[in-house]
Amino acid sequence: MLMNPISEAGSTRPAASEQERSGGRSFAVLLIASLAIAGWSLASVSLIRGFDFWVSSQANLIHVAINVACSALAAAYASRLRGTLEFKFGQAIAATVAIFGLYALGILVGRLFFSRSMFGFALIGAVCVSVLVVGLRHRLMRARVAIISPLIGGSTFSVPFARIVSDPSKDLRQFDIVLVSLTEHVSADWGRALSRAMLAGCKVRHIGQYVEELSGAVSL
């Protein structure tokens, strides 16, 4: 049956075991990202610049270390993104380019040593790793769902692992999906909250339609 009362105790927070699995998946994604960054850096440096690049000078090692740090920062940012898959891909790529752009600006202003080939390959690797992180998290992690209790009217659908939100000052951008009833009147405060969420890539869905898609059944 679809028409089960929404229980705040049972639907707002996942069980402890689910939280542990989520934490384990996050660690696995970051571990894969770290290994990918390290492997790409080792391979690109050794193949492009030669194995003696590692001991040729301290400036070379500093340049490689900063490239690795920029890649790690981009991957960490990608792991925190919320919203649709397309939105997260776009944000991850844009953030990676921006991070390396700031590094390039620092090179120009500070007249720092750099290798164009290494910089280019580090940027390409960072983009690939960021996209990998977004894809893995989207596939492995459960979508964060919010139910806006003042905007669902008399709906009594049960949505597992959803969080009930009743305060319009709550930051909805931390969720992937926000559920409302499209027949309810939206106040100015809730309108601004939903607009911020939509601009951040969050999907605003009708609660009945979402539950029907989730359960594979149509409510009568």
C-alpha atoms as a PDB file:
ATOM      1  CA  MET A   1       0.000   0.000   0.000  1.00  0.00           C
ATOM      2  CA  LEU A   2       1.191   3.486  -0.761  1.00  0.00           C
ATOM      3  CA  MET A   3      -1.012   5.340   1.693  1.00  0.00           C
ATOM      4  CA  ASN A   4       1.003   4.926   4.903  1.00  0.00           C
ATOM      5  CA  PRO A   5       1.377   7.826   7.355  1.00  0.00           C
ATOM      6  CA  ILE A   6       4.685   9.649   7.184  1.00  0.00           C
ATOM      7  CA  SER A   7       6.499   8.765  10.390  1.00  0.00           C
ATOM      8  CA  GLU A   8       9.141  11.272  11.420  1.00  0.00           C
ATOM      9  CA  ALA A   9      10.901   8.727  13.596  1.00  0.00           C
ATOM     10  CA  GLY A  10      11.014   6.126  10.884  1.00  0.00           C
ATOM     11  CA  SER A  11      11.615   8.211   7.761  1.00  0.00           C
ATOM     12  CA  THR A  12      13.692  11.242   8.666  1.00  0.00           C
ATOM     13  CA  ARG A  13      16.968   9.540   9.587  1.00  0.00           C
ATOM     14  CA  PRO A  14      18.520   6.364   8.267  1.00  0.00           C
ATOM     15  CA  ALA A  15      19.330   3.540  10.643  1.00  0.00           C
ATOM     16  CA  ALA A  16      22.757   3.287  12.194  1.00  0.00           C
ATOM     17  CA  SER A  17      23.723   0.453   9.874  1.00  0.00           C
ATOM     18  CA  GLU A  18      22.769   2.565   6.853  1.00  0.00           C
ATOM     19  CA  GLN A  19      24.890   5.451   8.165  1.00  0.00           C
ATOM     20  CA  GLU A  20      27.832   3.092   8.599  1.00  0.00           C
ATOM     21  CA  ARG A  21      27.435   1.795   5.058  1.00  0.00           C
ATOM     22  CA  SER A  22      27.216   5.359   3.765  1.00  0.00           C
ATOM     23  CA  GLY A  23      30.406   6.282   5.620  1.00  0.00           C
ATOM     24  CA  GLY A  24      32.149   3.207   4.249  1.00  0.00           C
ATOM     25  CA  ARG A  25      31.118   4.059   0.696  1.00  0.00           C
ATOM     26  CA  SER A  26      32.347   7.641   1.088  1.00  0.00           C
ATOM     27  CA  PHE A  27      35.702   6.373   2.329  1.00  0.00           C
ATOM     28  CA  ALA A  28      35.917   3.928  -0.584  1.00  0.00           C
ATOM     29  CA  VAL A  29      35.195   6.690  -3.116  1.00  0.00           C
ATOM     30  CA  LEU A  30      37.843   8.991  -1.613  1.00  0.00           C
ATOM     31  CA  LEU A  31      40.343   6.123  -1.474  1.00  0.00           C
ATOM     32  CA  ILE A  32      39.780   5.346  -5.154  1.00  0.00           C
ATOM     33  CA  ALA A  33      40.182   9.050  -5.952  1.00  0.00           C
ATOM     34  CA  SER A  34      43.447   9.218  -3.989  1.00  0.00           C
ATOM     35  CA  LEU A  35      44.844   6.155  -5.743  1.00  0.00           C
ATOM     36  CA  ALA A  36      43.788   7.539  -9.124  1.00  0.00           C
ATOM     37  CA  ILE A  37      45.496  10.884  -8.448  1.00  0.00           C
ATOM     38  CA  ALA A  38      48.682   9.194  -7.201  1.00  0.00           C
ATOM     39  CA  GLY A  39      48.792   6.747 -10.105  1.00  0.00           C
ATOM     40  CA  TRP A  40      48.140   9.427 -12.716  1.00  0.00           C
ATOM     41  CA  SER A  41      50.806  11.688 -11.226  1.00  0.00           C
ATOM     42  CA  LEU A  42      53.428   8.932 -11.110  1.00  0.00           C
ATOM     43  CA  ALA A  43      52.678   7.746 -14.631  1.00  0.00           C
ATOM     44  CA  SER A  44      52.487  11.183 -16.250  1.00  0.00           C
ATOM     45  CA  VAL A  45      55.647  12.496 -14.590  1.00  0.00           C
ATOM     46  CA  SER A  46      57.681   9.383 -15.300  1.00  0.00           C
ATOM     47  CA  LEU A  47      56.560   8.977 -18.909  1.00  0.00           C
ATOM     48  CA  ILE A  48      56.590  12.642 -19.940  1.00  0.00           C
ATOM     49  CA  ARG A  49      59.537  14.017 -18.032  1.00  0.00           C
ATOM     50  CA  GLY A  50      61.508  10.839 -17.321  1.00  0.00           C
ATOM     51  CA  PHE A  51      62.247   8.987 -14.117  1.00  0.00           C
ATOM     52  CA  ASP A  52      65.075  11.359 -13.195  1.00  0.00           C
ATOM     53  CA  PHE A  53      62.530  14.187 -12.932  1.00  0.00           C
ATOM     54  CA  TRP A  54      61.838  13.143  -9.338  1.00  0.00           C
ATOM     55  CA  VAL A  55      65.386  13.861  -8.183  1.00  0.00           C
ATOM     56  CA  SER A  56      66.378  16.554 -10.665  1.00  0.00           C
ATOM     57  CA  SER A  57      65.493  19.539  -8.453  1.00  0.00           C
ATOM     58  CA  GLN A  58      63.381  20.643  -5.515  1.00  0.00           C
ATOM     59  CA  ALA A  59      61.372  22.985  -7.775  1.00  0.00           C
ATOM     60  CA  ASN A  60      60.192  19.991  -9.807  1.00  0.00           C
ATOM     61  CA  LEU A  61      58.940  18.197  -6.699  1.00  0.00           C
ATOM     62  CA  ILE A  62      57.167  21.319  -5.452  1.00  0.00           C
ATOM     63  CA  HIS A  63      55.443  21.724  -8.825  1.00  0.00           C
ATOM     64  CA  VAL A  64      54.273  18.103  -8.755  1.00  0.00           C
ATOM     65  CA  ALA A  65      53.117  18.437  -5.134  1.00  0.00           C
ATOM     66  CA  ILE A  66      51.027  21.520  -5.912  1.00  0.00           C
ATOM     67  CA  ASN A  67      49.454  19.782  -8.916  1.00  0.00           C
ATOM     68  CA  VAL A  68      48.564  16.806  -6.708  1.00  0.00           C
ATOM     69  CA  ALA A  69      47.139  19.128  -4.043  1.00  0.00           C
ATOM     70  CA  CYS A  70      44.985  20.908  -6.643  1.00  0.00           C
ATOM     71  CA  SER A  71      43.706  17.544  -7.898  1.00  0.00           C
ATOM     72  CA  ALA A  72      42.898  16.416  -4.347  1.00  0.00           C
ATOM     73  CA  LEU A  73      41.059  19.669  -3.649  1.00  0.00           C
ATOM     74  CA  ALA A  74      38.986  19.253  -6.819  1.00  0.00           C
ATOM     75  CA  ALA A  75      38.130  15.645  -5.900  1.00  0.00           C
ATOM     76  CA  ALA A  76      37.146  16.665  -2.360  1.00  0.00           C
ATOM     77  CA  TYR A  77      34.858  19.386  -3.744  1.00  0.00           C
ATOM     78  CA  ALA A  78      33.297  16.920  -6.187  1.00  0.00           C
ATOM     79  CA  SER A  79      32.538  14.538  -3.306  1.00  0.00           C
ATOM     80  CA  ARG A  80      30.435  17.221  -1.581  1.00  0.00           C
ATOM     81  CA  LEU A  81      28.199  18.150  -4.522  1.00  0.00           C
ATOM     82  CA  ARG A  82      24.432  17.658  -4.432  1.00  0.00           C
ATOM     83  CA  GLY A  83      21.778  17.773  -7.135  1.00  0.00           C
ATOM     84  CA  THR A  84      21.221  16.063 -10.456  1.00  0.00           C
ATOM     85  CA  LEU A  85      23.984  14.034 -12.088  1.00  0.00           C
ATOM     86  CA  GLU A  86      24.369  16.512 -14.952  1.00  0.00           C
ATOM     87  CA  PHE A  87      24.556  19.429 -12.524  1.00  0.00           C
ATOM     88  CA  LYS A  88      27.216  17.693 -10.419  1.00  0.00           C
ATOM     89  CA  PHE A  89      29.289  16.840 -13.494  1.00  0.00           C
ATOM     90  CA  GLY A  90      29.195  20.453 -14.647  1.00  0.00           C
ATOM     91  CA  GLN A  91      30.031  21.833 -11.214  1.00  0.00           C
ATOM     92  CA  ALA A  92      32.901  19.384 -10.726  1.00  0.00           C
ATOM     93  CA  ILE A  93      34.500  20.227 -14.079  1.00  0.00           C
ATOM     94  CA  ALA A  94      34.038  23.977 -13.572  1.00  0.00           C
ATOM     95  CA  ALA A  95      35.527  23.832 -10.069  1.00  0.00           C
ATOM     96  CA  THR A  96      38.521  21.809 -11.267  1.00  0.00           C
ATOM     97  CA  VAL A  97      39.264  24.296 -14.041  1.00  0.00           C
ATOM     98  CA  ALA A  98      38.864  27.183 -11.578  1.00  0.00           C
ATOM     99  CA  ILE A  99      41.272  25.612  -9.069  1.00  0.00           C
ATOM    100  CA  PHE A 100      43.957  25.064 -11.686  1.00  0.00           C
ATOM    101  CA  GLY A 101      43.231  28.518 -13.091  1.00  0.00           C
ATOM    102  CA  LEU A 102      44.045  30.043  -9.707  1.00  0.00           C
ATOM    103  CA  TYR A 103      47.263  28.016  -9.625  1.00  0.00           C
ATOM    104  CA  ALA A 104      48.151  29.281 -13.108  1.00  0.00           C
ATOM    105  CA  LEU A 105      47.489  32.838 -11.933  1.00  0.00           C
ATOM    106  CA  GLY A 106      49.796  32.239  -8.984  1.00  0.00           C
ATOM    107  CA  ILE A 107      52.485  30.978 -11.354  1.00  0.00           C
ATOM    108  CA  LEU A 108      52.228  34.129 -13.473  1.00  0.00           C
ATOM    109  CA  VAL A 109      52.146  36.546 -10.549  1.00  0.00           C
ATOM    110  CA  GLY A 110      54.830  34.823  -8.505  1.00  0.00           C
ATOM    111  CA  ARG A 111      56.941  33.784 -11.498  1.00  0.00           C
ATOM    112  CA  LEU A 112      57.032  30.232 -10.164  1.00  0.00           C
ATOM    113  CA  PHE A 113      58.648  27.305 -11.918  1.00  0.00           C
ATOM    114  CA  PHE A 114      56.235  25.126 -13.885  1.00  0.00           C
ATOM    115  CA  SER A 115      56.115  22.573 -16.664  1.00  0.00           C
ATOM    116  CA  ARG A 116      53.428  23.131 -19.304  1.00  0.00           C
ATOM    117  CA  SER A 117      53.181  19.436 -20.107  1.00  0.00           C
ATOM    118  CA  MET A 118      52.895  18.475 -16.443  1.00  0.00           C
ATOM    119  CA  PHE A 119      50.370  21.218 -15.736  1.00  0.00           C
ATOM    120  CA  GLY A 120      48.232  20.154 -18.688  1.00  0.00           C
ATOM    121  CA  PHE A 121      48.300  16.473 -17.799  1.00  0.00           C
ATOM    122  CA  ALA A 122      47.567  17.256 -14.142  1.00  0.00           C
ATOM    123  CA  LEU A 123      44.520  19.296 -15.198  1.00  0.00           C
ATOM    124  CA  ILE A 124      43.244  16.502 -17.444  1.00  0.00           C
ATOM    125  CA  GLY A 125      43.778  13.950 -14.684  1.00  0.00           C
ATOM    126  CA  ALA A 126      42.010  16.125 -12.119  1.00  0.00           C
ATOM    127  CA  VAL A 127      38.979  16.546 -14.382  1.00  0.00           C
ATOM    128  CA  CYS A 128      38.810  12.775 -14.924  1.00  0.00           C
ATOM    129  CA  VAL A 129      39.122  12.050 -11.201  1.00  0.00           C
ATOM    130  CA  SER A 130      36.442  14.622 -10.315  1.00  0.00           C
ATOM    131  CA  VAL A 131      34.049  13.100 -12.838  1.00  0.00           C
ATOM    132  CA  LEU A 132      34.894   9.636 -11.455  1.00  0.00           C
ATOM    133  CA  VAL A 133      34.130  10.767  -7.905  1.00  0.00           C
ATOM    134  CA  VAL A 134      30.787  12.265  -8.939  1.00  0.00           C
ATOM    135  CA  GLY A 135      29.834   9.125 -10.868  1.00  0.00           C
ATOM    136  CA  LEU A 136      30.789   6.733  -8.070  1.00  0.00           C
ATOM    137  CA  ARG A 137      29.038   8.738  -5.369  1.00  0.00           C
ATOM    138  CA  HIS A 138      25.899   9.088  -7.493  1.00  0.00           C
ATOM    139  CA  ARG A 139      25.848   5.344  -8.058  1.00  0.00           C
ATOM    140  CA  LEU A 140      26.771   4.154  -4.576  1.00  0.00           C
ATOM    141  CA  MET A 141      25.249   6.760  -2.253  1.00  0.00           C
ATOM    142  CA  ARG A 142      21.568   6.996  -1.418  1.00  0.00           C
ATOM    143  CA  ALA A 143      19.882  10.176  -2.674  1.00  0.00           C
ATOM    144  CA  ARG A 144      19.172  12.723   0.065  1.00  0.00           C
ATOM    145  CA  VAL A 145      15.441  13.428   0.056  1.00  0.00           C
ATOM    146  CA  ALA A 146      13.589  16.175   1.924  1.00  0.00           C
ATOM    147  CA  ILE A 147       9.829  16.323   2.512  1.00  0.00           C
ATOM    148  CA  ILE A 148       8.511  19.854   2.973  1.00  0.00           C
ATOM    149  CA  SER A 149       5.774  19.158   5.525  1.00  0.00           C
ATOM    150  CA  PRO A 150       3.864  22.483   5.100  1.00  0.00           C
ATOM    151  CA  LEU A 151       3.762  21.932   1.324  1.00  0.00           C
ATOM    152  CA  ILE A 152       2.465  18.363   1.092  1.00  0.00           C
ATOM    153  CA  GLY A 153      -1.110  19.117   2.194  1.00  0.00           C
ATOM    154  CA  GLY A 154      -2.943  15.975   3.253  1.00  0.00           C
ATOM    155  CA  SER A 155      -0.506  13.598   1.559  1.00  0.00           C
ATOM    156  CA  THR A 156       0.245  10.554   3.699  1.00  0.00           C
ATOM    157  CA  PHE A 157       2.786   8.818   1.500  1.00  0.00           C
ATOM    158  CA  SER A 158       5.614   6.987   3.203  1.00  0.00           C
ATOM    159  CA  VAL A 159       9.070   7.866   1.835  1.00  0.00           C
ATOM    160  CA  PRO A 160      11.893   5.752   3.280  1.00  0.00           C
ATOM    161  CA  PHE A 161      15.020   7.578   4.502  1.00  0.00           C
ATOM    162  CA  ALA A 162      13.533  11.008   3.768  1.00  0.00           C
ATOM    163  CA  ARG A 163      13.966  13.959   6.127  1.00  0.00           C
ATOM    164  CA  ILE A 164      10.981  16.086   7.069  1.00  0.00           C
ATOM    165  CA  VAL A 165      11.661  19.844   6.841  1.00  0.00           C
ATOM    166  CA  SER A 166       9.218  22.373   8.299  1.00  0.00           C
ATOM    167  CA  ASP A 167      11.401  25.491   8.523  1.00  0.00           C
ATOM    168  CA  PRO A 168      11.844  27.612   5.350  1.00  0.00           C
ATOM    169  CA  SER A 169      15.193  28.896   6.662  1.00  0.00           C
ATOM    170  CA  LYS A 170      16.625  25.377   6.349  1.00  0.00           C
ATOM    171  CA  ASP A 171      19.257  25.109   3.625  1.00  0.00           C
ATOM    172  CA  LEU A 172      17.674  22.760   1.092  1.00  0.00           C
ATOM    173  CA  ARG A 173      20.796  22.732  -1.093  1.00  0.00           C
ATOM    174  CA  GLN A 174      22.166  19.812   0.943  1.00  0.00           C
ATOM    175  CA  PHE A 175      19.463  17.555  -0.528  1.00  0.00           C
ATOM    176  CA  ASP A 176      19.253  15.908  -3.929  1.00  0.00           C
ATOM    177  CA  ILE A 177      15.442  15.813  -4.115  1.00  0.00           C
ATOM    178  CA  VAL A 178      12.810  18.002  -2.428  1.00  0.00           C
ATOM    179  CA  LEU A 179       9.259  16.653  -2.277  1.00  0.00           C
ATOM    180  CA  VAL A 180       6.193  18.899  -2.233  1.00  0.00           C
ATOM    181  CA  SER A 181       2.594  18.774  -3.378  1.00  0.00           C
ATOM    182  CA  LEU A 182       2.266  20.849  -6.527  1.00  0.00           C
ATOM    183  CA  THR A 183      -1.336  21.736  -5.598  1.00  0.00           C
ATOM    184  CA  GLU A 184      -0.363  23.562  -2.384  1.00  0.00           C
ATOM    185  CA  HIS A 185       0.084  27.319  -2.106  1.00  0.00           C
ATOM    186  CA  VAL A 186       3.758  28.293  -1.769  1.00  0.00           C
ATOM    187  CA  SER A 187       4.539  31.208   0.542  1.00  0.00           C
ATOM    188  CA  ALA A 188       7.243  33.753  -0.222  1.00  0.00           C
ATOM    189  CA  ASP A 189       9.661  32.213   2.299  1.00  0.00           C
ATOM    190  CA  TRP A 190       9.246  28.718   0.894  1.00  0.00           C
ATOM    191  CA  GLY A 191       9.420  30.075  -2.643  1.00  0.00           C
ATOM    192  CA  ARG A 192      12.844  31.578  -1.955  1.00  0.00           C
ATOM    193  CA  ALA A 193      14.037  28.365  -0.286  1.00  0.00           C
ATOM    194  CA  LEU A 194      12.883  26.227  -3.209  1.00  0.00           C
ATOM    195  CA  SER A 195      14.398  28.643  -5.733  1.00  0.00           C
ATOM    196  CA  ARG A 196      17.800  28.442  -4.042  1.00  0.00           C
ATOM    197  CA  ALA A 197      17.588  24.651  -4.063  1.00  0.00           C
ATOM    198  CA  MET A 198      16.632  24.523  -7.753  1.00  0.00           C
ATOM    199  CA  LEU A 199      19.453  26.888  -8.713  1.00  0.00           C
ATOM    200  CA  ALA A 200      21.854  24.579  -6.870  1.00  0.00           C
ATOM    201  CA  GLY A 201      20.710  21.634  -9.005  1.00  0.00           C
ATOM    202  CA  CYS A 202      18.244  20.094  -6.568  1.00  0.00           C
ATOM    203  CA  LYS A 203      15.151  18.464  -8.073  1.00  0.00           C
ATOM    204  CA  VAL A 204      11.778  19.618  -6.754  1.00  0.00           C
ATOM    205  CA  ARG A 205       9.282  16.790  -7.257  1.00  0.00           C
ATOM    206  CA  HIS A 206       5.627  16.066  -6.552  1.00  0.00           C
ATOM    207  CA  ILE A 207       5.560  13.662  -3.614  1.00  0.00           C
ATOM    208  CA  GLY A 208       2.872  11.405  -5.057  1.00  0.00           C
ATOM    209  CA  GLN A 209       4.624  10.995  -8.392  1.00  0.00           C
ATOM    210  CA  TYR A 210       7.955  10.333  -6.680  1.00  0.00           C
ATOM    211  CA  VAL A 211       6.516   7.597  -4.435  1.00  0.00           C
ATOM    212  CA  GLU A 212       4.802   5.956  -7.388  1.00  0.00           C
ATOM    213  CA  GLU A 213       8.087   5.840  -9.311  1.00  0.00           C
ATOM    214  CA  LEU A 214       9.921   4.575  -6.220  1.00  0.00           C
ATOM    215  CA  SER A 215       7.461   1.777  -5.493  1.00  0.00           C
ATOM    216  CA  GLY A 216       6.496   0.909  -9.053  1.00  0.00           C
ATOM    217  CA  ALA A 217       2.807   1.140  -8.117  1.00  0.00           C
ATOM    218  CA  VAL A 218       0.082   3.703  -8.758  1.00  0.00           C
ATOM    219  CA  SER A 219      -1.978   4.983  -5.855  1.00  0.00           C
ATOM    220  CA  LEU A 220      -5.746   4.696  -6.324  1.00  0.00           C
END
